[in-house]
Amino acid sequence: MQQLSYDPRDSVFEIEGFRLSGQVITFENTYGIPPVTPERIDGAVRVRTPHLTWAGAQHTAPGNGEIVVTKTEDGVQVTMGATAGQRIRCEKLILTGIPLGELIGHGWNSSRISTNGTTAYYPGSIPTPLVFIALPGGEHFYFESLDTRVRAKRFAFFEQDGDATVELIYEDAATEMTQTTLSPPWRIGRTRDPEAIVRRHMEHVARAYGLRPWHSRPDVPAWMRDTALVVTLHGMHWSGYTFNTYDEIRAALEYIAERIDGRRVLAFLPGWEGRYYWQYGDYRPEPLLGGADGFARLAARARELGVKLMPMFGANCVNKNLPGYEEWGTPAEMRSASGLVFHGNRPDWDVSRSHDPGWQAWLNPGAPSWRARLVDQVSALVRDYGLPAVFFDTQEVWINDPRFELYPGLIALRDELKSRFPDLLVAGEGWYDALGAITPLSQYNQPARWADIAFAPHNRHFLHLSTGDPSRGSTGVHELGHNPFTAVPDHPWVIPTLSIVDGTLTAGRPGADAVLEQARRYARAL
């Protein structure tokens, strides 16, 4: 975490037992709030300034900042607003003098708060905008945003003078940024029952995004609730190495259906369209895997067995060398709020050790040109092959794009597909709270804490495609290469998962059979 090299001389306001400061950040500078006397109005305490300061309060600037604090049963609720002479990027509420403890931040894992600092991002490194500091005696501080939209929140923590400094940063949707901003409520408190805070927060999330319980979600087909096994059947690696042709996938499904009712099986197909990622943006059966006829045979046999096929598509990543990219791709390229082109995960596909896939572009599904192409291609394949499910890779990637708001674009993608195919299951790679309202099934590694509260009531997940297979730990089409084989934990919200590459059902048969037994137990418990 980088810091200013001088004292910003932020004014500190002691209100309801907390020491609060504020900053207003535009795209050209950082501004502070000058000292004023807080006012008590209608049960709240308000700080309102007649101007802003900058450069460590050496100068003043037009604008104002306002902090409104309301006492709660265990702390305070705070909103912050501001106006400035330029377009505002974000605003920062700063709390100083917070006791040091263990931070429950990234993935709700524990970490130490240091002088170097750490930042937790939503959407991104935390599943929902709620973090904790656990104190040695069992008490917890919590920091929570009560937004009802998917907008950027950043939680920064660092040690300062023996205490923790906490920064709560709110950023408007970049499509809506002006010279005025107002944060949703921040709630800050102390508790000995963090689980109760998580429950209350997730009730807010469910109301905000329309989350429904898993067993009554209208977007979950009846067959999905009976699913007890997800089989990840790897097709073609980026390099062109073939793990399984369509006929080999068909044979693997026949093996599995002899050991568990095929109606319990969801077959996930990464790399089915040819060279993994290289083919993203142009979806069709791959000739080297068996072509259209081979894929049709696979789809027909899966239906006979009761197995549901779920091919993988890129929600936002394409090969920019595809024909017509300038028309449908260039206008949709993801950009940050300040205008930087987003380059995404940058895998080392060719093992050149350069991590420089210049052919790989990241597109915003909120952009009409890209979303229309994706919907049309997916719809044609669903129609032609009778596909019951589709999976969107990297759907969890989020950026505050100034041209198209990303989360509503994902909603539109889902809605356009469901309007054509009402019984289609739409699944995806990652998860954060609001994303769970779009895709009920995801590849998601549960957080270290409270998954039964935050995730399980509404969603189900299966192991990521980077999970190693039982024969040699191969990750198949995934860029990781090798990863230990593992079985899922025995939780009702985690579906048993088996990864199959070339040789899995021979050299890795004991491990595969163990997963099949786990799936049979899971099925009996449904």
Protein backbone atom coordinates (compact mmCIF):
# COMPACT_ATOMS: atom_id res chain seq x y z
CA MET A 1 0.00 0.00 0.00
CA GLN A 2 1.44 3.35 -1.02
CA GLN A 3 1.01 6.43 1.15
CA LEU A 4 1.52 10.17 0.91
CA SER A 5 5.03 11.28 1.88
CA TYR A 6 3.70 14.07 4.11
CA ASP A 7 1.01 14.59 6.74
CA PRO A 8 -2.27 15.26 4.87
CA ARG A 9 -3.51 17.07 8.01
CA ASP A 10 -6.93 15.49 7.83
CA SER A 11 -9.30 17.01 10.36
CA VAL A 12 -10.37 14.52 13.03
CA PHE A 13 -13.92 14.62 14.40
CA GLU A 14 -14.64 12.70 17.61
CA ILE A 15 -18.26 11.56 17.30
CA GLU A 16 -20.10 8.83 19.24
CA GLY A 17 -16.87 7.22 20.38
CA PHE A 18 -15.17 7.14 16.95
CA ARG A 19 -12.45 9.35 15.45
CA LEU A 20 -13.54 10.18 11.90
CA SER A 21 -11.89 12.01 9.01
CA GLY A 22 -12.69 12.30 5.34
CA GLN A 23 -11.09 12.80 1.93
CA VAL A 24 -12.59 13.63 -1.45
CA ILE A 25 -10.64 12.31 -4.44
CA THR A 26 -11.16 13.61 -7.97
CA PHE A 27 -9.39 12.45 -11.11
CA GLU A 28 -6.83 15.22 -10.69
CA ASN A 29 -6.13 15.52 -6.93
CA THR A 30 -6.93 14.51 -3.36
CA TYR A 31 -8.81 16.90 -1.11
CA GLY A 32 -9.28 17.07 2.64
CA ILE A 33 -12.05 18.32 4.90
CA PRO A 34 -11.16 21.42 7.00
CA PRO A 35 -11.99 21.64 10.71
CA VAL A 36 -15.52 22.75 11.62
CA THR A 37 -17.75 22.31 14.65
CA PRO A 38 -20.09 19.31 14.32
CA GLU A 39 -23.83 20.02 14.66
CA ARG A 40 -26.46 17.78 16.23
CA ILE A 41 -29.59 17.78 14.06
CA ASP A 42 -32.61 15.45 14.40
CA GLY A 43 -30.74 12.86 16.42
CA ALA A 44 -27.72 12.79 14.10
CA VAL A 45 -24.37 14.56 14.18
CA ARG A 46 -23.46 16.45 11.00
CA VAL A 47 -20.11 17.77 9.84
CA ARG A 48 -20.42 20.12 6.87
CA THR A 49 -17.52 22.15 5.53
CA PRO A 50 -17.62 25.38 3.47
CA HIS A 51 -14.70 24.34 1.25
CA LEU A 52 -12.07 21.66 0.71
CA THR A 53 -8.31 21.67 1.32
CA TRP A 54 -5.45 20.16 -0.65
CA ALA A 55 -1.69 19.54 -0.40
CA GLY A 56 -1.74 18.93 3.34
CA ALA A 57 -4.14 21.86 3.91
CA GLN A 58 -1.65 24.28 2.38
CA HIS A 59 -4.37 25.40 -0.06
CA THR A 60 -8.17 25.57 -0.23
CA ALA A 61 -10.50 24.68 -3.09
CA PRO A 62 -14.18 25.20 -3.87
CA GLY A 63 -16.52 22.42 -2.84
CA ASN A 64 -17.66 20.88 0.42
CA GLY A 65 -17.72 17.67 2.38
CA GLU A 66 -20.44 16.37 4.62
CA ILE A 67 -20.38 13.51 7.14
CA VAL A 68 -23.60 12.49 8.89
CA VAL A 69 -23.34 10.13 11.87
CA THR A 70 -26.26 8.33 13.53
CA LYS A 71 -25.79 6.27 16.68
CA THR A 72 -26.83 2.59 16.51
CA GLU A 73 -27.19 -0.07 19.19
CA ASP A 74 -23.58 -1.22 18.71
CA GLY A 75 -21.83 1.66 16.95
CA VAL A 76 -22.68 4.18 14.26
CA GLN A 77 -24.13 4.51 10.79
CA VAL A 78 -22.35 7.05 8.60
CA THR A 79 -22.99 8.63 5.22
CA MET A 80 -20.55 10.88 3.45
CA GLY A 81 -21.24 13.30 0.62
CA ALA A 82 -19.20 15.87 -1.25
CA THR A 83 -19.08 18.35 -4.08
CA ALA A 84 -15.92 19.47 -5.86
CA GLY A 85 -14.77 21.61 -8.73
CA GLN A 86 -13.93 18.52 -10.81
CA ARG A 87 -15.50 15.12 -11.43
CA ILE A 88 -15.23 13.05 -8.24
CA ARG A 89 -13.66 9.61 -8.43
CA CYS A 90 -14.35 8.45 -4.87
CA GLU A 91 -14.66 9.52 -1.28
CA LYS A 92 -12.88 8.10 1.74
CA LEU A 93 -14.12 7.84 5.31
CA ILE A 94 -11.14 7.37 7.66
CA LEU A 95 -11.30 5.89 11.16
CA THR A 96 -8.24 6.17 13.40
CA GLY A 97 -7.51 4.73 16.82
CA ILE A 98 -9.20 1.38 16.13
CA PRO A 99 -7.63 -1.37 18.30
CA LEU A 100 -5.29 -3.72 16.46
CA GLY A 101 -6.45 -7.27 15.86
CA GLU A 102 -6.69 -9.94 13.19
CA LEU A 103 -8.23 -8.70 9.96
CA ILE A 104 -10.98 -10.93 8.52
CA GLY A 105 -10.81 -9.56 5.01
CA HIS A 106 -9.69 -11.26 1.79
CA GLY A 107 -11.94 -14.28 1.33
CA TRP A 108 -12.80 -13.85 5.02
CA ASN A 109 -9.43 -15.33 5.91
CA SER A 110 -7.47 -13.95 8.84
CA SER A 111 -4.38 -11.80 8.35
CA ARG A 112 -2.27 -9.42 10.39
CA ILE A 113 -2.68 -5.67 10.05
CA SER A 114 0.79 -4.23 9.41
CA THR A 115 2.34 -0.87 8.75
CA ASN A 116 2.56 -1.86 5.08
CA GLY A 117 -1.23 -2.15 4.96
CA THR A 118 -3.69 -4.15 2.92
CA THR A 119 -6.76 -3.37 0.82
CA ALA A 120 -9.84 -5.57 0.38
CA TYR A 121 -11.88 -4.98 -2.76
CA TYR A 122 -15.57 -5.40 -3.52
CA PRO A 123 -16.35 -6.81 -6.02
CA GLY A 124 -13.11 -8.73 -5.96
CA SER A 125 -11.28 -10.08 -2.95
CA ILE A 126 -14.20 -10.09 -0.50
CA PRO A 127 -17.52 -11.87 -1.09
CA THR A 128 -19.66 -9.01 0.16
CA PRO A 129 -18.83 -5.51 1.51
CA LEU A 130 -18.38 -6.61 5.11
CA VAL A 131 -15.07 -7.06 6.95
CA PHE A 132 -14.07 -7.56 10.59
CA ILE A 133 -11.22 -6.92 12.97
CA ALA A 134 -11.13 -9.70 15.58
CA LEU A 135 -9.76 -8.54 18.94
CA PRO A 136 -7.92 -10.89 21.34
CA GLY A 137 -10.77 -11.02 23.88
CA GLY A 138 -13.37 -12.25 21.39
CA GLU A 139 -14.87 -8.90 20.48
CA HIS A 140 -15.03 -7.87 16.81
CA PHE A 141 -15.19 -4.52 15.06
CA TYR A 142 -17.15 -4.71 11.82
CA PHE A 143 -17.25 -2.40 8.80
CA GLU A 144 -20.20 -2.79 6.44
CA SER A 145 -21.62 -1.08 3.37
CA LEU A 146 -25.40 -1.09 3.00
CA ASP A 147 -25.42 -0.34 -0.72
CA THR A 148 -28.21 -1.80 -2.84
CA ARG A 149 -26.18 -1.76 -6.06
CA VAL A 150 -22.94 -3.35 -7.23
CA ARG A 151 -20.55 -0.42 -6.91
CA ALA A 152 -16.89 -0.27 -5.93
CA LYS A 153 -15.99 -0.42 -2.24
CA ARG A 154 -12.44 -0.59 -0.94
CA PHE A 155 -11.53 -1.35 2.67
CA ALA A 156 -7.96 -0.37 3.55
CA PHE A 157 -6.23 -1.21 6.84
CA PHE A 158 -2.81 -0.31 8.21
CA GLU A 159 -1.07 0.02 11.55
CA GLN A 160 -0.39 3.55 12.70
CA ASP A 161 0.96 4.58 16.12
CA GLY A 162 0.06 1.22 17.63
CA ASP A 163 -3.54 1.26 16.43
CA ALA A 164 -5.34 0.40 13.23
CA THR A 165 -6.37 3.02 10.70
CA VAL A 166 -9.34 1.97 8.59
CA GLU A 167 -10.30 3.58 5.29
CA LEU A 168 -13.79 2.99 3.89
CA ILE A 169 -13.82 4.04 0.24
CA TYR A 170 -16.92 4.39 -1.91
CA GLU A 171 -16.88 4.99 -5.68
CA ASP A 172 -19.88 5.92 -7.80
CA ALA A 173 -20.60 3.92 -10.93
CA ALA A 174 -18.22 5.42 -13.49
CA THR A 175 -21.15 5.87 -15.89
CA GLU A 176 -22.67 8.28 -13.33
CA MET A 177 -19.69 10.18 -11.92
CA THR A 178 -20.19 13.93 -11.57
CA GLN A 179 -18.90 16.72 -9.33
CA THR A 180 -21.25 15.49 -6.58
CA THR A 181 -21.32 12.19 -4.71
CA LEU A 182 -23.13 10.62 -1.77
CA SER A 183 -22.20 7.27 -0.26
CA PRO A 184 -24.66 4.58 0.73
CA PRO A 185 -24.70 4.07 4.52
CA TRP A 186 -21.61 2.65 6.18
CA ARG A 187 -22.29 0.76 9.38
CA ILE A 188 -19.50 0.43 11.95
CA GLY A 189 -19.88 -1.40 15.23
CA ARG A 190 -18.56 -3.76 17.88
CA THR A 191 -19.93 -7.24 18.51
CA ARG A 192 -19.17 -10.54 20.19
CA ASP A 193 -21.36 -12.34 17.68
CA PRO A 194 -19.94 -11.77 14.18
CA GLU A 195 -22.16 -14.54 12.79
CA ALA A 196 -25.22 -12.46 13.71
CA ILE A 197 -23.77 -9.52 11.77
CA VAL A 198 -23.20 -11.75 8.74
CA ARG A 199 -26.80 -13.00 8.94
CA ARG A 200 -28.18 -9.48 9.16
CA HIS A 201 -25.98 -8.31 6.30
CA MET A 202 -27.00 -11.20 4.05
CA GLU A 203 -30.67 -10.44 4.74
CA HIS A 204 -29.96 -6.96 3.40
CA VAL A 205 -28.19 -8.45 0.37
CA ALA A 206 -31.10 -10.80 -0.35
CA ARG A 207 -33.55 -7.88 -0.30
CA ALA A 208 -31.28 -5.68 -2.42
CA TYR A 209 -30.65 -8.19 -5.23
CA GLY A 210 -33.73 -10.40 -5.06
CA LEU A 211 -31.93 -13.52 -3.89
CA ARG A 212 -34.29 -16.46 -3.44
CA PRO A 213 -33.71 -19.68 -1.45
CA TRP A 214 -32.10 -22.43 -3.51
CA HIS A 215 -35.07 -24.78 -3.32
CA SER A 216 -37.51 -22.15 -4.60
CA ARG A 217 -35.37 -20.24 -7.10
CA PRO A 218 -37.30 -19.95 -10.38
CA ASP A 219 -34.04 -19.91 -12.39
CA VAL A 220 -33.03 -23.39 -11.17
CA PRO A 221 -34.46 -26.20 -13.35
CA ALA A 222 -35.97 -29.11 -11.41
CA TRP A 223 -33.26 -31.48 -12.71
CA MET A 224 -30.53 -29.29 -11.20
CA ARG A 225 -31.87 -29.84 -7.70
CA ASP A 226 -31.36 -33.59 -8.23
CA THR A 227 -27.78 -33.20 -9.47
CA ALA A 228 -25.29 -35.12 -7.34
CA LEU A 229 -22.18 -35.09 -9.55
CA VAL A 230 -20.46 -32.59 -11.80
CA VAL A 231 -18.00 -34.16 -14.24
CA THR A 232 -15.44 -31.78 -15.75
CA LEU A 233 -14.49 -33.30 -19.12
CA HIS A 234 -11.53 -31.46 -20.59
CA GLY A 235 -11.39 -31.00 -24.36
CA MET A 236 -8.54 -29.10 -26.05
CA HIS A 237 -5.72 -27.15 -24.40
CA TRP A 238 -4.70 -23.70 -25.67
CA SER A 239 -1.75 -25.36 -27.41
CA GLY A 240 -4.03 -27.77 -29.30
CA TYR A 241 -3.27 -30.80 -27.12
CA THR A 242 -6.40 -32.97 -27.00
CA PHE A 243 -7.43 -34.50 -23.68
CA ASN A 244 -10.77 -35.87 -24.87
CA THR A 245 -12.55 -35.93 -28.24
CA TYR A 246 -16.33 -35.84 -28.33
CA ASP A 247 -16.43 -39.62 -28.72
CA GLU A 248 -14.10 -40.05 -25.73
CA ILE A 249 -16.29 -37.72 -23.67
CA ARG A 250 -19.27 -39.85 -24.70
CA ALA A 251 -17.49 -43.02 -23.58
CA ALA A 252 -16.59 -41.42 -20.24
CA LEU A 253 -20.22 -40.49 -19.65
CA GLU A 254 -21.27 -44.06 -20.39
CA TYR A 255 -18.76 -45.31 -17.78
CA ILE A 256 -20.14 -42.86 -15.23
CA ALA A 257 -23.79 -43.63 -16.02
CA GLU A 258 -23.14 -47.30 -15.27
CA ARG A 259 -22.20 -46.29 -11.71
CA ILE A 260 -24.65 -43.49 -10.93
CA ASP A 261 -27.98 -42.58 -12.48
CA GLY A 262 -27.22 -40.32 -15.45
CA ARG A 263 -30.02 -38.00 -14.39
CA ARG A 264 -27.85 -37.08 -11.42
CA VAL A 265 -24.93 -35.98 -13.62
CA LEU A 266 -24.01 -32.55 -15.01
CA ALA A 267 -21.24 -32.74 -17.61
CA PHE A 268 -19.12 -29.56 -17.70
CA LEU A 269 -17.16 -29.11 -20.96
CA PRO A 270 -14.17 -26.72 -20.89
CA GLY A 271 -12.21 -26.58 -24.15
CA TRP A 272 -15.07 -28.19 -26.10
CA GLU A 273 -14.88 -25.53 -28.84
CA GLY A 274 -11.21 -26.12 -29.68
CA ARG A 275 -8.09 -24.35 -28.46
CA TYR A 276 -8.99 -23.11 -25.01
CA TYR A 277 -9.27 -19.31 -24.84
CA TRP A 278 -7.79 -18.96 -28.35
CA GLN A 279 -11.20 -19.85 -29.74
CA TYR A 280 -13.11 -17.62 -27.29
CA GLY A 281 -15.50 -15.36 -29.17
CA ASP A 282 -16.15 -17.84 -32.01
CA TYR A 283 -18.02 -20.84 -30.64
CA ARG A 284 -18.67 -23.96 -32.70
CA PRO A 285 -17.78 -27.66 -32.45
CA GLU A 286 -14.08 -28.21 -33.12
CA PRO A 287 -13.25 -30.33 -36.22
CA LEU A 288 -10.24 -31.91 -34.48
CA LEU A 289 -12.47 -33.10 -31.63
CA GLY A 290 -15.08 -34.63 -33.92
CA GLY A 291 -16.78 -31.67 -35.54
CA ALA A 292 -20.50 -30.95 -35.65
CA ASP A 293 -21.41 -34.61 -36.20
CA GLY A 294 -19.34 -35.76 -33.24
CA PHE A 295 -20.79 -33.09 -30.97
CA ALA A 296 -24.31 -34.03 -32.12
CA ARG A 297 -23.63 -37.68 -31.26
CA LEU A 298 -22.37 -36.61 -27.84
CA ALA A 299 -25.45 -34.46 -27.18
CA ALA A 300 -27.81 -37.22 -28.31
CA ARG A 301 -26.13 -39.88 -26.18
CA ALA A 302 -26.10 -37.58 -23.13
CA ARG A 303 -29.87 -37.14 -23.49
CA GLU A 304 -30.33 -40.93 -23.69
CA LEU A 305 -28.32 -41.33 -20.48
CA GLY A 306 -30.13 -38.46 -18.74
CA VAL A 307 -26.83 -36.53 -18.44
CA LYS A 308 -27.01 -32.75 -18.81
CA LEU A 309 -24.30 -31.12 -20.96
CA MET A 310 -22.93 -27.72 -19.95
CA PRO A 311 -20.40 -26.22 -22.41
CA MET A 312 -18.14 -23.39 -21.28
CA PHE A 313 -18.21 -19.91 -22.83
CA GLY A 314 -16.21 -16.78 -22.08
CA ALA A 315 -18.40 -14.08 -20.57
CA ASN A 316 -15.90 -11.35 -21.32
CA CYS A 317 -12.69 -12.64 -22.95
CA VAL A 318 -12.05 -13.12 -26.68
CA ASN A 319 -9.33 -13.48 -29.29
CA LYS A 320 -9.15 -10.02 -30.80
CA ASN A 321 -7.78 -11.44 -34.07
CA LEU A 322 -11.24 -12.77 -34.95
CA PRO A 323 -12.92 -11.33 -38.06
CA GLY A 324 -15.05 -8.27 -37.39
CA TYR A 325 -13.49 -7.59 -33.99
CA GLU A 326 -13.35 -3.86 -34.72
CA GLU A 327 -17.14 -3.77 -35.04
CA TRP A 328 -18.28 -5.91 -32.09
CA GLY A 329 -15.16 -6.08 -29.88
CA THR A 330 -13.37 -2.73 -29.88
CA PRO A 331 -16.43 -0.76 -28.67
CA ALA A 332 -16.84 -3.22 -25.79
CA GLU A 333 -13.27 -3.32 -24.42
CA MET A 334 -13.24 -3.04 -20.65
CA ARG A 335 -11.80 0.15 -19.22
CA SER A 336 -11.17 1.44 -15.73
CA ALA A 337 -12.85 4.54 -14.38
CA SER A 338 -9.84 6.62 -15.45
CA GLY A 339 -9.76 5.06 -18.94
CA LEU A 340 -7.08 2.34 -18.69
CA VAL A 341 -7.72 -0.69 -20.91
CA PHE A 342 -8.22 -3.78 -18.74
CA HIS A 343 -5.84 -6.66 -19.53
CA GLY A 344 -7.27 -9.32 -17.23
CA ASN A 345 -5.50 -12.41 -15.94
CA ARG A 346 -2.74 -12.65 -18.61
CA PRO A 347 -1.98 -16.41 -18.39
CA ASP A 348 1.34 -17.72 -19.67
CA TRP A 349 -0.43 -19.85 -22.29
CA ASP A 350 2.67 -20.55 -24.38
CA VAL A 351 5.02 -21.05 -21.37
CA SER A 352 7.26 -18.31 -22.76
CA ARG A 353 7.36 -16.97 -19.17
CA SER A 354 6.29 -13.61 -20.54
CA HIS A 355 2.61 -13.49 -19.48
CA ASP A 356 1.98 -11.42 -22.57
CA PRO A 357 -1.08 -12.74 -24.48
CA GLY A 358 -1.50 -9.67 -26.66
CA TRP A 359 -4.19 -11.43 -28.70
CA GLN A 360 -6.44 -11.68 -25.64
CA ALA A 361 -9.00 -8.91 -25.11
CA TRP A 362 -11.47 -8.40 -22.28
CA LEU A 363 -14.94 -7.20 -23.21
CA ASN A 364 -17.74 -5.80 -21.09
CA PRO A 365 -21.01 -7.79 -21.34
CA GLY A 366 -22.75 -4.49 -20.64
CA ALA A 367 -21.72 -3.38 -24.15
CA PRO A 368 -24.57 -4.12 -26.60
CA SER A 369 -22.25 -5.16 -29.46
CA TRP A 370 -20.47 -7.89 -27.50
CA ARG A 371 -23.53 -9.09 -25.62
CA ALA A 372 -25.52 -9.47 -28.84
CA ARG A 373 -22.77 -11.57 -30.44
CA LEU A 374 -22.43 -13.78 -27.38
CA VAL A 375 -26.19 -14.28 -26.97
CA ASP A 376 -26.60 -15.16 -30.64
CA GLN A 377 -23.77 -17.70 -30.64
CA VAL A 378 -24.84 -19.35 -27.39
CA SER A 379 -28.48 -19.42 -28.48
CA ALA A 380 -27.67 -21.11 -31.79
CA LEU A 381 -25.75 -23.88 -30.01
CA VAL A 382 -28.45 -24.36 -27.34
CA ARG A 383 -31.07 -24.63 -30.09
CA ASP A 384 -29.11 -26.84 -32.48
CA TYR A 385 -27.89 -29.36 -29.87
CA GLY A 386 -30.64 -29.17 -27.25
CA LEU A 387 -28.28 -27.99 -24.53
CA PRO A 388 -29.85 -27.73 -21.05
CA ALA A 389 -27.11 -25.61 -19.44
CA VAL A 390 -24.38 -23.09 -20.26
CA PHE A 391 -21.42 -21.89 -18.20
CA PHE A 392 -19.77 -18.45 -18.38
CA ASP A 393 -16.07 -18.29 -17.61
CA THR A 394 -14.64 -15.31 -15.63
CA GLN A 395 -18.07 -13.79 -15.11
CA GLU A 396 -16.89 -12.59 -11.69
CA VAL A 397 -14.42 -10.12 -13.26
CA TRP A 398 -15.68 -6.64 -12.47
CA ILE A 399 -14.42 -3.20 -13.37
CA ASN A 400 -15.94 0.25 -12.96
CA ASP A 401 -16.26 0.87 -16.69
CA PRO A 402 -17.20 4.48 -17.60
CA ARG A 403 -18.99 3.41 -20.81
CA PHE A 404 -21.14 0.47 -19.73
CA GLU A 405 -22.10 -0.65 -16.24
CA LEU A 406 -20.96 -4.26 -15.98
CA TYR A 407 -23.31 -5.95 -13.50
CA PRO A 408 -26.52 -4.90 -15.29
CA GLY A 409 -24.89 -6.26 -18.46
CA LEU A 410 -24.62 -9.69 -16.86
CA ILE A 411 -28.27 -9.49 -15.83
CA ALA A 412 -29.20 -8.64 -19.42
CA LEU A 413 -27.09 -11.54 -20.73
CA ARG A 414 -28.90 -13.95 -18.42
CA ASP A 415 -32.32 -12.48 -19.15
CA GLU A 416 -31.90 -12.54 -22.93
CA LEU A 417 -30.93 -16.22 -22.83
CA LYS A 418 -33.73 -17.14 -20.42
CA SER A 419 -36.28 -15.30 -22.56
CA ARG A 420 -35.37 -17.65 -25.44
CA PHE A 421 -34.85 -20.77 -23.32
CA PRO A 422 -36.80 -20.49 -20.03
CA ASP A 423 -35.54 -23.83 -18.67
CA LEU A 424 -31.87 -23.15 -19.43
CA LEU A 425 -29.49 -23.29 -16.46
CA VAL A 426 -27.07 -20.34 -16.58
CA ALA A 427 -23.97 -21.02 -14.45
CA GLY A 428 -20.64 -19.24 -14.06
CA GLU A 429 -17.13 -19.31 -12.70
CA GLY A 430 -17.01 -17.04 -9.68
CA TRP A 431 -19.24 -15.64 -6.99
CA TYR A 432 -19.88 -12.53 -5.00
CA ASP A 433 -23.11 -11.75 -3.19
CA ALA A 434 -25.02 -10.04 -6.01
CA LEU A 435 -23.57 -12.32 -8.69
CA GLY A 436 -25.27 -15.20 -6.91
CA ALA A 437 -28.58 -13.68 -7.93
CA ILE A 438 -27.66 -14.18 -11.61
CA THR A 439 -26.03 -17.60 -11.61
CA PRO A 440 -27.31 -20.05 -8.97
CA LEU A 441 -24.50 -22.53 -9.71
CA SER A 442 -20.85 -21.51 -9.77
CA GLN A 443 -17.28 -22.69 -9.55
CA TYR A 444 -16.47 -21.03 -6.31
CA ASN A 445 -14.08 -21.75 -3.49
CA GLN A 446 -16.09 -20.99 -0.38
CA PRO A 447 -14.82 -18.32 2.02
CA ALA A 448 -12.95 -19.32 5.11
CA ARG A 449 -15.94 -18.47 7.30
CA TRP A 450 -19.72 -18.35 7.20
CA ALA A 451 -20.27 -20.02 3.81
CA ASP A 452 -23.36 -21.70 5.27
CA ILE A 453 -24.83 -18.24 5.91
CA ALA A 454 -23.49 -16.14 3.03
CA PHE A 455 -23.55 -18.67 0.17
CA ALA A 456 -25.46 -21.86 0.91
CA PRO A 457 -29.02 -20.53 1.34
CA HIS A 458 -29.17 -19.38 -2.29
CA ASN A 459 -26.45 -21.12 -4.30
CA ARG A 460 -24.54 -24.30 -5.07
CA HIS A 461 -20.98 -24.76 -6.27
CA PHE A 462 -18.62 -27.37 -7.62
CA LEU A 463 -14.85 -27.62 -7.81
CA HIS A 464 -12.96 -25.32 -10.14
CA LEU A 465 -11.69 -26.72 -13.43
CA SER A 466 -8.15 -26.13 -12.13
CA THR A 467 -8.66 -29.04 -9.71
CA GLY A 468 -6.24 -31.83 -10.54
CA ASP A 469 -7.55 -35.09 -11.97
CA PRO A 470 -7.18 -38.37 -9.98
CA SER A 471 -4.57 -39.91 -12.28
CA ARG A 472 -1.73 -37.37 -12.23
CA GLY A 473 -3.10 -34.08 -10.91
CA SER A 474 -3.46 -32.63 -14.41
CA THR A 475 -5.55 -29.45 -14.63
CA GLY A 476 -6.42 -30.22 -18.24
CA VAL A 477 -7.14 -27.09 -20.25
CA HIS A 478 -6.46 -24.82 -17.28
CA GLU A 479 -3.21 -22.85 -17.28
CA LEU A 480 -2.15 -23.98 -13.79
CA GLY A 481 -0.82 -27.24 -15.23
CA HIS A 482 -0.91 -29.53 -12.21
CA ASN A 483 -2.79 -29.39 -8.94
CA PRO A 484 -3.36 -32.09 -6.32
CA PHE A 485 -6.47 -34.20 -6.74
CA THR A 486 -9.00 -33.45 -4.03
CA ALA A 487 -12.56 -34.36 -3.17
CA VAL A 488 -15.11 -31.76 -2.16
CA PRO A 489 -15.93 -31.25 1.52
CA ASP A 490 -19.12 -32.93 2.68
CA HIS A 491 -21.41 -29.92 2.62
CA PRO A 492 -24.88 -29.92 1.05
CA TRP A 493 -24.05 -26.80 -0.96
CA VAL A 494 -20.91 -28.34 -2.54
CA ILE A 495 -21.61 -30.83 -5.33
CA PRO A 496 -19.12 -33.73 -5.72
CA THR A 497 -16.85 -33.06 -8.69
CA LEU A 498 -14.71 -35.33 -10.87
CA SER A 499 -12.18 -33.97 -13.35
CA ILE A 500 -11.38 -36.16 -16.38
CA VAL A 501 -8.42 -35.77 -18.71
CA ASP A 502 -6.77 -38.43 -20.90
CA GLY A 503 -6.10 -41.52 -18.80
CA THR A 504 -8.17 -40.54 -15.77
CA LEU A 505 -10.54 -43.51 -15.96
CA THR A 506 -7.66 -45.99 -16.26
CA ALA A 507 -4.67 -44.78 -14.22
CA GLY A 508 -6.89 -42.70 -11.95
CA ARG A 509 -9.78 -45.14 -11.54
CA PRO A 510 -9.51 -45.57 -7.73
CA GLY A 511 -9.81 -41.82 -7.20
CA ALA A 512 -12.58 -41.51 -9.77
CA ASP A 513 -14.54 -44.33 -8.14
CA ALA A 514 -14.14 -42.65 -4.73
CA VAL A 515 -15.74 -39.47 -6.12
CA LEU A 516 -18.56 -41.53 -7.64
CA GLU A 517 -19.21 -43.11 -4.25
CA GLN A 518 -19.28 -39.67 -2.68
CA ALA A 519 -21.79 -38.61 -5.34
CA ARG A 520 -24.01 -41.58 -4.56
CA ARG A 521 -24.00 -40.58 -0.87
CA TYR A 522 -24.80 -37.00 -1.84
CA ALA A 523 -27.71 -38.22 -3.99
CA ARG A 524 -29.16 -40.23 -1.12
CA ALA A 525 -29.11 -37.12 1.08
CA LEU A 526 -30.97 -34.89 -1.40
